[in-house]
Amino acid sequence: MDEAYLIDAARRGDLNAFNRLVLAYQDLVFNQAYRMMGETDAAEDATQDAFISAYRNLGSYRGGSFKAWLLRIVTNACYDELRRRKRRPTTPLEPLDDDDEAMESPRWLADTSEQPDAAAERAELSRALQGCLNRLPQEFRTVVVLVDLQGMDYTEAAEVVGTPLGTVKSRLARARLRLRDCLQGFRELLPAAFRLVEESDA
């Protein structure tokens, strides 16, 4: 994909070029929104809003990492929604199916190559991780999603959140400690390398 060409074409009003950019980045943007919002419908709304905003504001893109630019837009969209919810609190939801039951596995986690037991265990770990992410302050959650789940480096993450590199590193270190402590409540789901050794295990 010639990203620079597609961006230039999209700026000139070529909707097909922009749609190709959407296809290239939609999973990344959705996953960012999902991990920040914790529910599928809200993540889908934020993803759609982000791409609409990106298309309308292509003229403000000044080069650099297009991925980081997109993630900044969706991150801000999530912040806006989370701030709105604080003003008008609602009960937090896990992904629900048509019967209002917690989904065993959201659609984006589906993997038909897995055995049922492994898929169920992974879905349970994903829910545990999302629950721990939801307990983090927004600014901590954002950097841990960007770096540890999206695979961005510190510099890109700093660009997305608009904060100094040192601040990102500090937030990430503190977020990882909180996540580690939270996830120890689900030790049996964690790979052995991520379990803290308890005195009784030594």
Protein backbone atom coordinates (compact mmCIF):
# COMPACT_ATOMS: atom_id res chain seq x y z
CA MET A 1 0.00 0.00 0.00
CA ASP A 2 1.38 3.39 -1.02
CA GLU A 3 0.14 5.25 2.02
CA ALA A 4 1.46 8.66 1.01
CA TYR A 5 -0.24 8.39 -2.40
CA LEU A 6 -3.54 7.33 -0.84
CA ILE A 7 -3.45 10.17 1.68
CA ASP A 8 -2.73 12.69 -1.06
CA ALA A 9 -5.53 11.28 -3.22
CA ALA A 10 -7.95 11.30 -0.28
CA ARG A 11 -7.10 14.94 0.40
CA ARG A 12 -8.13 15.69 -3.17
CA GLY A 13 -11.51 14.09 -2.53
CA ASP A 14 -10.85 10.53 -3.70
CA LEU A 15 -13.18 8.53 -1.44
CA ASN A 16 -11.91 5.21 -2.76
CA ALA A 17 -8.40 6.11 -1.65
CA PHE A 18 -9.65 6.99 1.80
CA ASN A 19 -11.63 3.74 1.99
CA ARG A 20 -8.40 1.83 1.33
CA LEU A 21 -6.82 3.63 4.27
CA VAL A 22 -9.84 2.72 6.40
CA LEU A 23 -9.47 -0.96 5.46
CA ALA A 24 -5.77 -0.85 6.35
CA TYR A 25 -6.29 0.69 9.78
CA GLN A 26 -9.81 -0.21 10.91
CA ASP A 27 -8.76 -3.16 13.10
CA LEU A 28 -6.04 -1.14 14.80
CA VAL A 29 -8.39 1.77 15.46
CA PHE A 30 -11.21 -0.49 16.67
CA ASN A 31 -8.93 -2.37 19.06
CA GLN A 32 -7.70 0.92 20.52
CA ALA A 33 -11.28 2.07 21.05
CA TYR A 34 -12.41 -1.27 22.47
CA ARG A 35 -9.62 -1.45 25.03
CA MET A 36 -10.33 2.11 26.13
CA MET A 37 -14.12 1.83 26.22
CA GLY A 38 -14.51 -1.80 27.27
CA GLU A 39 -17.57 -2.49 25.14
CA THR A 40 -18.12 -3.33 21.50
CA ASP A 41 -20.91 -0.90 20.60
CA ALA A 42 -19.10 2.10 22.06
CA ALA A 43 -15.88 1.05 20.33
CA GLU A 44 -17.65 0.72 16.98
CA ASP A 45 -19.19 4.18 17.43
CA ALA A 46 -15.83 5.70 18.36
CA THR A 47 -14.16 4.00 15.39
CA GLN A 48 -16.77 5.33 12.98
CA ASP A 49 -16.56 8.82 14.48
CA ALA A 50 -12.77 8.74 14.26
CA PHE A 51 -12.71 7.89 10.57
CA ILE A 52 -15.35 10.51 9.77
CA SER A 53 -13.30 13.07 11.70
CA ALA A 54 -10.11 11.93 9.97
CA TYR A 55 -11.67 12.36 6.53
CA ARG A 56 -12.98 15.82 7.38
CA ASN A 57 -9.63 16.89 8.84
CA LEU A 58 -7.18 15.41 6.35
CA GLY A 59 -6.12 18.95 5.55
CA SER A 60 -4.71 19.27 9.08
CA TYR A 61 -2.51 16.17 8.71
CA ARG A 62 1.04 17.49 8.44
CA GLY A 63 2.96 14.32 7.72
CA GLY A 64 4.68 11.97 10.13
CA SER A 65 3.05 8.78 11.34
CA PHE A 66 -0.44 8.51 9.87
CA LYS A 67 -1.11 5.63 12.26
CA ALA A 68 -0.28 7.83 15.25
CA TRP A 69 -2.47 10.61 13.83
CA LEU A 70 -5.43 8.25 13.51
CA LEU A 71 -4.91 6.79 16.96
CA ARG A 72 -4.81 10.28 18.45
CA ILE A 73 -8.19 11.01 16.86
CA VAL A 74 -9.83 7.83 18.17
CA THR A 75 -8.20 8.25 21.58
CA ASN A 76 -9.63 11.77 21.84
CA ALA A 77 -13.03 10.48 20.75
CA CYS A 78 -12.90 7.91 23.55
CA TYR A 79 -11.82 10.55 26.07
CA ASP A 80 -14.75 12.73 25.06
CA GLU A 81 -17.21 9.86 25.52
CA LEU A 82 -15.69 8.79 28.84
CA ARG A 83 -15.87 12.38 30.13
CA ARG A 84 -19.51 12.55 29.04
CA ARG A 85 -20.23 9.34 30.94
CA LYS A 86 -18.65 10.75 34.08
CA ARG A 87 -21.08 13.65 33.89
CA ARG A 88 -23.94 11.21 33.24
CA PRO A 89 -22.87 7.93 34.90
CA THR A 90 -24.14 4.64 33.54
CA THR A 91 -23.60 1.07 34.63
CA PRO A 92 -20.43 -0.29 32.95
CA LEU A 93 -21.18 -3.12 30.55
CA GLU A 94 -19.28 -6.14 29.38
CA PRO A 95 -19.86 -7.18 25.76
CA LEU A 96 -23.39 -8.58 25.63
CA ASP A 97 -25.15 -10.89 23.21
CA ASP A 98 -28.73 -10.56 21.94
CA ASP A 99 -30.05 -12.04 25.21
CA ASP A 100 -28.19 -9.47 27.35
CA GLU A 101 -25.80 -12.16 28.54
CA ALA A 102 -22.04 -11.60 28.74
CA MET A 103 -20.48 -12.80 25.50
CA GLU A 104 -18.20 -15.79 25.79
CA SER A 105 -15.96 -14.30 23.13
CA PRO A 106 -16.37 -10.97 21.30
CA ARG A 107 -16.30 -11.32 17.51
CA TRP A 108 -12.85 -9.76 17.21
CA LEU A 109 -11.42 -12.53 19.41
CA ALA A 110 -12.84 -15.34 17.29
CA ASP A 111 -10.28 -17.89 16.10
CA THR A 112 -11.70 -21.03 14.55
CA SER A 113 -8.32 -22.80 14.68
CA GLU A 114 -8.41 -23.00 18.48
CA GLN A 115 -9.78 -25.84 20.53
CA PRO A 116 -12.93 -24.87 22.48
CA ASP A 117 -11.17 -25.08 25.87
CA ALA A 118 -8.34 -22.85 24.72
CA ALA A 119 -10.74 -20.35 23.16
CA ALA A 120 -12.84 -20.20 26.35
CA GLU A 121 -9.73 -19.73 28.49
CA ARG A 122 -8.44 -16.97 26.24
CA ALA A 123 -11.81 -15.23 26.27
CA GLU A 124 -11.85 -15.40 30.07
CA LEU A 125 -8.34 -13.95 30.22
CA SER A 126 -9.37 -11.20 27.82
CA ARG A 127 -12.30 -10.30 30.08
CA ALA A 128 -10.01 -10.30 33.10
CA LEU A 129 -7.54 -8.04 31.28
CA GLN A 130 -10.31 -5.69 30.19
CA GLY A 131 -11.64 -5.55 33.75
CA CYS A 132 -8.19 -4.61 35.03
CA LEU A 133 -7.77 -2.04 32.25
CA ASN A 134 -11.12 -0.50 33.18
CA ARG A 135 -9.84 0.07 36.73
CA LEU A 136 -6.90 2.16 35.52
CA PRO A 137 -7.11 5.95 35.29
CA GLN A 138 -7.73 7.01 31.70
CA GLU A 139 -4.23 8.37 31.16
CA PHE A 140 -2.67 5.10 32.38
CA ARG A 141 -5.03 2.95 30.35
CA THR A 142 -4.27 4.87 27.17
CA VAL A 143 -0.50 4.42 27.29
CA VAL A 144 -0.63 0.74 28.23
CA VAL A 145 -3.04 0.04 25.35
CA LEU A 146 -0.87 1.99 22.89
CA VAL A 147 2.45 0.43 23.91
CA ASP A 148 1.68 -3.02 25.28
CA LEU A 149 -1.38 -3.95 23.20
CA GLN A 150 -0.94 -1.93 20.00
CA GLY A 151 2.85 -2.36 19.89
CA MET A 152 3.72 1.31 19.49
CA ASP A 153 7.07 2.62 20.70
CA TYR A 154 7.28 5.28 23.40
CA THR A 155 7.84 8.10 20.93
CA GLU A 156 4.75 7.21 18.88
CA ALA A 157 2.66 6.85 22.04
CA ALA A 158 3.85 10.27 23.24
CA GLU A 159 2.80 11.71 19.89
CA VAL A 160 -0.65 10.14 20.16
CA VAL A 161 -1.38 11.39 23.67
CA GLY A 162 0.44 14.71 23.25
CA THR A 163 2.59 14.37 26.36
CA PRO A 164 6.38 14.31 26.92
CA LEU A 165 8.23 11.03 26.46
CA GLY A 166 9.17 10.88 30.14
CA THR A 167 5.54 11.23 31.17
CA VAL A 168 4.55 8.32 28.93
CA LYS A 169 7.29 6.13 30.42
CA SER A 170 6.27 7.03 33.97
CA ARG A 171 2.57 6.39 33.32
CA LEU A 172 3.37 3.10 31.61
CA ALA A 173 5.52 1.86 34.50
CA ARG A 174 2.81 2.70 37.03
CA ALA A 175 0.07 1.20 34.82
CA ARG A 176 2.02 -2.05 34.43
CA LEU A 177 2.43 -2.36 38.20
CA ARG A 178 -1.29 -1.88 38.75
CA LEU A 179 -2.17 -4.36 36.01
CA ARG A 180 0.26 -6.92 37.39
CA ASP A 181 -1.29 -6.65 40.85
CA CYS A 182 -4.82 -6.79 39.46
CA LEU A 183 -4.14 -9.79 37.22
CA GLN A 184 -2.72 -11.85 40.07
CA GLY A 185 -6.34 -12.40 41.02
CA PHE A 186 -6.56 -14.46 37.83
CA ARG A 187 -3.24 -16.33 38.23
CA GLU A 188 -4.63 -19.59 36.90
CA LEU A 189 -5.40 -17.93 33.56
CA LEU A 190 -2.00 -16.32 33.14
CA PRO A 191 0.90 -17.90 31.26
CA ALA A 192 3.45 -19.15 33.80
CA ALA A 193 5.95 -16.43 32.89
CA PHE A 194 3.51 -13.75 34.08
CA ARG A 195 2.61 -15.26 37.44
CA LEU A 196 4.18 -13.85 40.59
CA VAL A 197 5.85 -16.56 42.65
CA GLU A 198 4.19 -16.81 46.03
CA GLU A 199 6.07 -18.02 49.09
CA SER A 200 3.99 -21.19 49.14
CA ASP A 201 5.05 -21.91 45.54
CA ALA A 202 8.77 -21.57 46.24
